[in-house]
């Protein structure tokens, strides 16, 4: 059985960095579940983790019931498309950064999920009050985590966090 390994944590906790390093360490043993989103492109790394589309395109996919979930976060829409999710999950474990509401939706849709909480040891500065407010709302969701990883932004912290996640994934088989 393959799992969706959901990394959950506040904005700036290092989810994307841990995902990138985990993918380097595991190679083709792990896939990425890209989130389809209306958010603006921030960096080239976005192409790995997101499929960026317009709100109109998003609404059209949603109207055709093409999403396993639909979540609004900081004014942008996010969703996992059934087609990508189902085809990739047959092949390998999938890694994704997911907000708590999205994890709940995936669980309710009966997808096999493992939840990994990323706890920042030294929090980076928020990029805006809207993200802080959204993170406070997210804290209201209660999840049963399969693993908790403390991510320190000090030297060696990313490597330690990545090793914990890699070890966890390898134990899944």
C-alpha atoms as a PDB file:
ATOM      1  CA  UNK A   1       0.000   0.000   0.000  1.00  0.00           C
ATOM      2  CA  UNK A   2       1.191   3.479  -0.834  1.00  0.00           C
ATOM      3  CA  UNK A   3       0.507   6.494   1.365  1.00  0.00           C
ATOM      4  CA  UNK A   4       0.091  10.216   0.951  1.00  0.00           C
ATOM      5  CA  UNK A   5       2.605  11.622   3.423  1.00  0.00           C
ATOM      6  CA  UNK A   6       1.204  14.985   4.428  1.00  0.00           C
ATOM      7  CA  UNK A   7       3.606  17.518   5.899  1.00  0.00           C
ATOM      8  CA  UNK A   8       1.677  19.909   8.110  1.00  0.00           C
ATOM      9  CA  UNK A   9       3.100  22.993   9.763  1.00  0.00           C
ATOM     10  CA  UNK A  10       2.854  26.778   9.931  1.00  0.00           C
ATOM     11  CA  UNK A  11       3.978  29.040   7.105  1.00  0.00           C
ATOM     12  CA  UNK A  12       7.751  29.246   7.006  1.00  0.00           C
ATOM     13  CA  UNK A  13       8.306  26.034   8.997  1.00  0.00           C
ATOM     14  CA  UNK A  14      10.453  24.488   6.254  1.00  0.00           C
ATOM     15  CA  UNK A  15       7.989  22.036   4.705  1.00  0.00           C
ATOM     16  CA  UNK A  16       9.133  22.698   1.135  1.00  0.00           C
ATOM     17  CA  UNK A  17      12.829  22.536   2.061  1.00  0.00           C
ATOM     18  CA  UNK A  18      12.333  19.216   3.868  1.00  0.00           C
ATOM     19  CA  UNK A  19      10.344  17.877   0.911  1.00  0.00           C
ATOM     20  CA  UNK A  20      13.081  18.877  -1.551  1.00  0.00           C
ATOM     21  CA  UNK A  21      15.823  17.237   0.495  1.00  0.00           C
ATOM     22  CA  UNK A  22      13.727  14.109   1.068  1.00  0.00           C
ATOM     23  CA  UNK A  23      13.127  13.784  -2.668  1.00  0.00           C
ATOM     24  CA  UNK A  24      16.877  14.060  -3.306  1.00  0.00           C
ATOM     25  CA  UNK A  25      17.566  11.376  -0.698  1.00  0.00           C
ATOM     26  CA  UNK A  26      14.899   8.910  -1.877  1.00  0.00           C
ATOM     27  CA  UNK A  27      14.946   9.555  -5.625  1.00  0.00           C
ATOM     28  CA  UNK A  28      12.252   7.635  -7.482  1.00  0.00           C
ATOM     29  CA  UNK A  29      11.114   5.897  -4.277  1.00  0.00           C
ATOM     30  CA  UNK A  30       8.924   8.921  -3.531  1.00  0.00           C
ATOM     31  CA  UNK A  31       6.659  11.095  -5.642  1.00  0.00           C
ATOM     32  CA  UNK A  32       5.245  14.550  -5.171  1.00  0.00           C
ATOM     33  CA  UNK A  33       1.542  15.181  -4.964  1.00  0.00           C
ATOM     34  CA  UNK A  34       1.271  18.609  -6.529  1.00  0.00           C
ATOM     35  CA  UNK A  35      -1.452  20.900  -5.314  1.00  0.00           C
ATOM     36  CA  UNK A  36      -3.383  22.766  -7.974  1.00  0.00           C
ATOM     37  CA  UNK A  37      -3.630  26.387  -6.874  1.00  0.00           C
ATOM     38  CA  UNK A  38      -4.583  29.905  -7.850  1.00  0.00           C
ATOM     39  CA  UNK A  39      -1.729  31.435  -5.853  1.00  0.00           C
ATOM     40  CA  UNK A  40       0.911  33.455  -7.689  1.00  0.00           C
ATOM     41  CA  UNK A  41       4.233  31.856  -8.623  1.00  0.00           C
ATOM     42  CA  UNK A  42       6.947  32.727  -6.089  1.00  0.00           C
ATOM     43  CA  UNK A  43       9.930  30.745  -7.378  1.00  0.00           C
ATOM     44  CA  UNK A  44      11.018  28.043  -9.815  1.00  0.00           C
ATOM     45  CA  UNK A  45      10.497  25.549  -6.962  1.00  0.00           C
ATOM     46  CA  UNK A  46       6.746  26.193  -7.263  1.00  0.00           C
ATOM     47  CA  UNK A  47       6.676  24.133 -10.474  1.00  0.00           C
ATOM     48  CA  UNK A  48       7.695  21.052  -8.456  1.00  0.00           C
ATOM     49  CA  UNK A  49       5.048  21.417  -5.752  1.00  0.00           C
ATOM     50  CA  UNK A  50       2.180  23.223  -7.484  1.00  0.00           C
ATOM     51  CA  UNK A  51       0.190  23.382 -10.678  1.00  0.00           C
ATOM     52  CA  UNK A  52      -0.541  27.107 -10.977  1.00  0.00           C
ATOM     53  CA  UNK A  53      -3.793  27.995 -12.730  1.00  0.00           C
ATOM     54  CA  UNK A  54      -6.288  30.843 -12.889  1.00  0.00           C
ATOM     55  CA  UNK A  55      -9.333  31.054 -10.620  1.00  0.00           C
ATOM     56  CA  UNK A  56     -11.540  30.428 -13.644  1.00  0.00           C
ATOM     57  CA  UNK A  57      -9.669  27.217 -14.485  1.00  0.00           C
ATOM     58  CA  UNK A  58      -9.855  26.132 -10.851  1.00  0.00           C
ATOM     59  CA  UNK A  59     -13.603  26.780 -10.700  1.00  0.00           C
ATOM     60  CA  UNK A  60     -14.122  24.777 -13.921  1.00  0.00           C
ATOM     61  CA  UNK A  61     -12.276  21.735 -12.511  1.00  0.00           C
ATOM     62  CA  UNK A  62     -14.185  22.077  -9.246  1.00  0.00           C
ATOM     63  CA  UNK A  63     -17.514  22.268 -11.098  1.00  0.00           C
ATOM     64  CA  UNK A  64     -16.657  18.963 -12.808  1.00  0.00           C
ATOM     65  CA  UNK A  65     -15.922  17.436  -9.374  1.00  0.00           C
ATOM     66  CA  UNK A  66     -12.271  17.032 -10.341  1.00  0.00           C
ATOM     67  CA  UNK A  67     -10.811  17.739  -6.888  1.00  0.00           C
ATOM     68  CA  UNK A  68     -10.408  15.429  -3.908  1.00  0.00           C
ATOM     69  CA  UNK A  69     -10.406  18.588  -1.797  1.00  0.00           C
ATOM     70  CA  UNK A  70     -10.898  22.324  -2.171  1.00  0.00           C
ATOM     71  CA  UNK A  71      -9.364  24.611   0.409  1.00  0.00           C
ATOM     72  CA  UNK A  72      -8.985  28.373   0.602  1.00  0.00           C
ATOM     73  CA  UNK A  73      -5.853  29.635   2.320  1.00  0.00           C
ATOM     74  CA  UNK A  74      -4.661  33.251   2.487  1.00  0.00           C
ATOM     75  CA  UNK A  75      -7.010  34.244  -0.331  1.00  0.00           C
ATOM     76  CA  UNK A  76      -5.919  31.489  -2.735  1.00  0.00           C
ATOM     77  CA  UNK A  77      -7.599  28.214  -3.702  1.00  0.00           C
ATOM     78  CA  UNK A  78      -5.869  24.838  -3.400  1.00  0.00           C
ATOM     79  CA  UNK A  79      -6.920  21.338  -4.363  1.00  0.00           C
ATOM     80  CA  UNK A  80      -5.642  17.882  -5.261  1.00  0.00           C
ATOM     81  CA  UNK A  81      -6.911  16.655  -8.604  1.00  0.00           C
ATOM     82  CA  UNK A  82      -8.327  13.124  -8.505  1.00  0.00           C
ATOM     83  CA  UNK A  83      -6.662  12.175 -11.802  1.00  0.00           C
ATOM     84  CA  UNK A  84      -3.117  12.980 -10.616  1.00  0.00           C
ATOM     85  CA  UNK A  85      -3.674  11.687  -7.100  1.00  0.00           C
ATOM     86  CA  UNK A  86      -5.097   8.312  -8.140  1.00  0.00           C
ATOM     87  CA  UNK A  87      -2.585   7.585 -10.905  1.00  0.00           C
ATOM     88  CA  UNK A  88       0.496   8.551  -8.860  1.00  0.00           C
ATOM     89  CA  UNK A  89      -0.641   6.793  -5.679  1.00  0.00           C
ATOM     90  CA  UNK A  90      -0.756   3.451  -7.541  1.00  0.00           C
ATOM     91  CA  UNK A  91       2.978   3.797  -8.256  1.00  0.00           C
ATOM     92  CA  UNK A  92       4.575   5.105  -5.055  1.00  0.00           C
ATOM     93  CA  UNK A  93       4.240   6.970  -1.783  1.00  0.00           C
ATOM     94  CA  UNK A  94       3.446  10.653  -2.335  1.00  0.00           C
ATOM     95  CA  UNK A  95       4.783  13.610  -0.406  1.00  0.00           C
ATOM     96  CA  UNK A  96       2.868  16.869  -0.066  1.00  0.00           C
ATOM     97  CA  UNK A  97       2.625  19.984   2.070  1.00  0.00           C
ATOM     98  CA  UNK A  98      -0.994  20.127   3.176  1.00  0.00           C
ATOM     99  CA  UNK A  99      -2.988  22.315   5.532  1.00  0.00           C
ATOM    100  CA  UNK A 100      -4.984  20.585   8.239  1.00  0.00           C
ATOM    101  CA  UNK A 101      -8.314  21.008   6.468  1.00  0.00           C
ATOM    102  CA  UNK A 102      -6.885  19.328   3.365  1.00  0.00           C
ATOM    103  CA  UNK A 103      -5.631  16.364   5.416  1.00  0.00           C
ATOM    104  CA  UNK A 104      -9.097  15.922   6.902  1.00  0.00           C
ATOM    105  CA  UNK A 105     -10.644  15.977   3.427  1.00  0.00           C
ATOM    106  CA  UNK A 106      -8.199  13.340   2.140  1.00  0.00           C
ATOM    107  CA  UNK A 107      -8.933  11.110   5.142  1.00  0.00           C
ATOM    108  CA  UNK A 108     -12.700  11.521   4.670  1.00  0.00           C
ATOM    109  CA  UNK A 109     -12.259  10.578   0.983  1.00  0.00           C
ATOM    110  CA  UNK A 110     -10.677   7.303   2.244  1.00  0.00           C
ATOM    111  CA  UNK A 111      -7.152   7.973   0.955  1.00  0.00           C
ATOM    112  CA  UNK A 112      -4.323   6.298   2.905  1.00  0.00           C
ATOM    113  CA  UNK A 113      -2.657   9.165   4.741  1.00  0.00           C
ATOM    114  CA  UNK A 114       0.298   9.507   7.092  1.00  0.00           C
ATOM    115  CA  UNK A 115       0.497  12.862   8.850  1.00  0.00           C
ATOM    116  CA  UNK A 116       3.834  14.446   9.732  1.00  0.00           C
ATOM    117  CA  UNK A 117       3.832  17.605  11.803  1.00  0.00           C
ATOM    118  CA  UNK A 118       6.697  20.014  11.138  1.00  0.00           C
ATOM    119  CA  UNK A 119       7.456  22.081  14.226  1.00  0.00           C
ATOM    120  CA  UNK A 120       9.780  25.034  13.628  1.00  0.00           C
ATOM    121  CA  UNK A 121      12.346  25.392  16.393  1.00  0.00           C
ATOM    122  CA  UNK A 122      13.226  28.938  15.372  1.00  0.00           C
ATOM    123  CA  UNK A 123      10.301  30.433  13.435  1.00  0.00           C
ATOM    124  CA  UNK A 124      11.040  32.560  10.379  1.00  0.00           C
ATOM    125  CA  UNK A 125       9.308  35.909   9.980  1.00  0.00           C
ATOM    126  CA  UNK A 126       5.818  35.722   8.483  1.00  0.00           C
ATOM    127  CA  UNK A 127       5.377  37.130   5.000  1.00  0.00           C
ATOM    128  CA  UNK A 128       2.118  38.835   5.908  1.00  0.00           C
ATOM    129  CA  UNK A 129      -0.627  39.170   8.467  1.00  0.00           C
ATOM    130  CA  UNK A 130      -3.006  37.155   6.269  1.00  0.00           C
ATOM    131  CA  UNK A 131      -0.766  34.092   6.563  1.00  0.00           C
ATOM    132  CA  UNK A 132      -0.463  34.527  10.332  1.00  0.00           C
ATOM    133  CA  UNK A 133      -4.244  34.743  10.677  1.00  0.00           C
ATOM    134  CA  UNK A 134      -4.690  31.630   8.509  1.00  0.00           C
ATOM    135  CA  UNK A 135      -2.126  29.716  10.599  1.00  0.00           C
ATOM    136  CA  UNK A 136      -4.054  30.626  13.754  1.00  0.00           C
ATOM    137  CA  UNK A 137      -7.252  29.241  12.179  1.00  0.00           C
ATOM    138  CA  UNK A 138      -5.392  26.070  11.169  1.00  0.00           C
ATOM    139  CA  UNK A 139      -4.346  25.513  14.771  1.00  0.00           C
ATOM    140  CA  UNK A 140      -8.002  24.806  15.600  1.00  0.00           C
ATOM    141  CA  UNK A 141      -7.860  21.494  13.672  1.00  0.00           C
ATOM    142  CA  UNK A 142      -6.882  18.508  15.798  1.00  0.00           C
ATOM    143  CA  UNK A 143      -5.027  15.752  13.969  1.00  0.00           C
ATOM    144  CA  UNK A 144      -3.458  12.502  15.121  1.00  0.00           C
ATOM    145  CA  UNK A 145       0.125  12.808  13.869  1.00  0.00           C
ATOM    146  CA  UNK A 146       2.116   9.754  12.821  1.00  0.00           C
ATOM    147  CA  UNK A 147       5.393  11.642  13.300  1.00  0.00           C
ATOM    148  CA  UNK A 148       6.462  15.003  14.692  1.00  0.00           C
ATOM    149  CA  UNK A 149       9.671  16.579  13.418  1.00  0.00           C
ATOM    150  CA  UNK A 150      11.353  19.604  14.960  1.00  0.00           C
ATOM    151  CA  UNK A 151      12.939  21.660  12.202  1.00  0.00           C
ATOM    152  CA  UNK A 152      15.708  23.943  13.354  1.00  0.00           C
ATOM    153  CA  UNK A 153      16.922  26.649  11.019  1.00  0.00           C
ATOM    154  CA  UNK A 154      20.351  26.428  12.656  1.00  0.00           C
ATOM    155  CA  UNK A 155      23.223  24.599  10.972  1.00  0.00           C
ATOM    156  CA  UNK A 156      22.415  20.908  10.536  1.00  0.00           C
ATOM    157  CA  UNK A 157      18.728  21.329  11.355  1.00  0.00           C
ATOM    158  CA  UNK A 158      17.420  20.671   7.867  1.00  0.00           C
ATOM    159  CA  UNK A 159      19.604  17.579   7.516  1.00  0.00           C
ATOM    160  CA  UNK A 160      18.354  16.184  10.824  1.00  0.00           C
ATOM    161  CA  UNK A 161      14.711  16.835   9.933  1.00  0.00           C
ATOM    162  CA  UNK A 162      15.190  15.275   6.498  1.00  0.00           C
ATOM    163  CA  UNK A 163      16.811  12.155   7.979  1.00  0.00           C
ATOM    164  CA  UNK A 164      13.851  11.685  10.326  1.00  0.00           C
ATOM    165  CA  UNK A 165      11.400  11.896   7.437  1.00  0.00           C
ATOM    166  CA  UNK A 166      13.465   9.615   5.172  1.00  0.00           C
ATOM    167  CA  UNK A 167      13.722   7.005   7.954  1.00  0.00           C
ATOM    168  CA  UNK A 168       9.949   7.184   8.500  1.00  0.00           C
ATOM    169  CA  UNK A 169       9.185   6.740   4.785  1.00  0.00           C
ATOM    170  CA  UNK A 170      11.627   3.852   4.425  1.00  0.00           C
ATOM    171  CA  UNK A 171       9.888   2.021   7.272  1.00  0.00           C
ATOM    172  CA  UNK A 172       6.606   2.270   5.338  1.00  0.00           C
ATOM    173  CA  UNK A 173       8.153   0.051   2.675  1.00  0.00           C
END
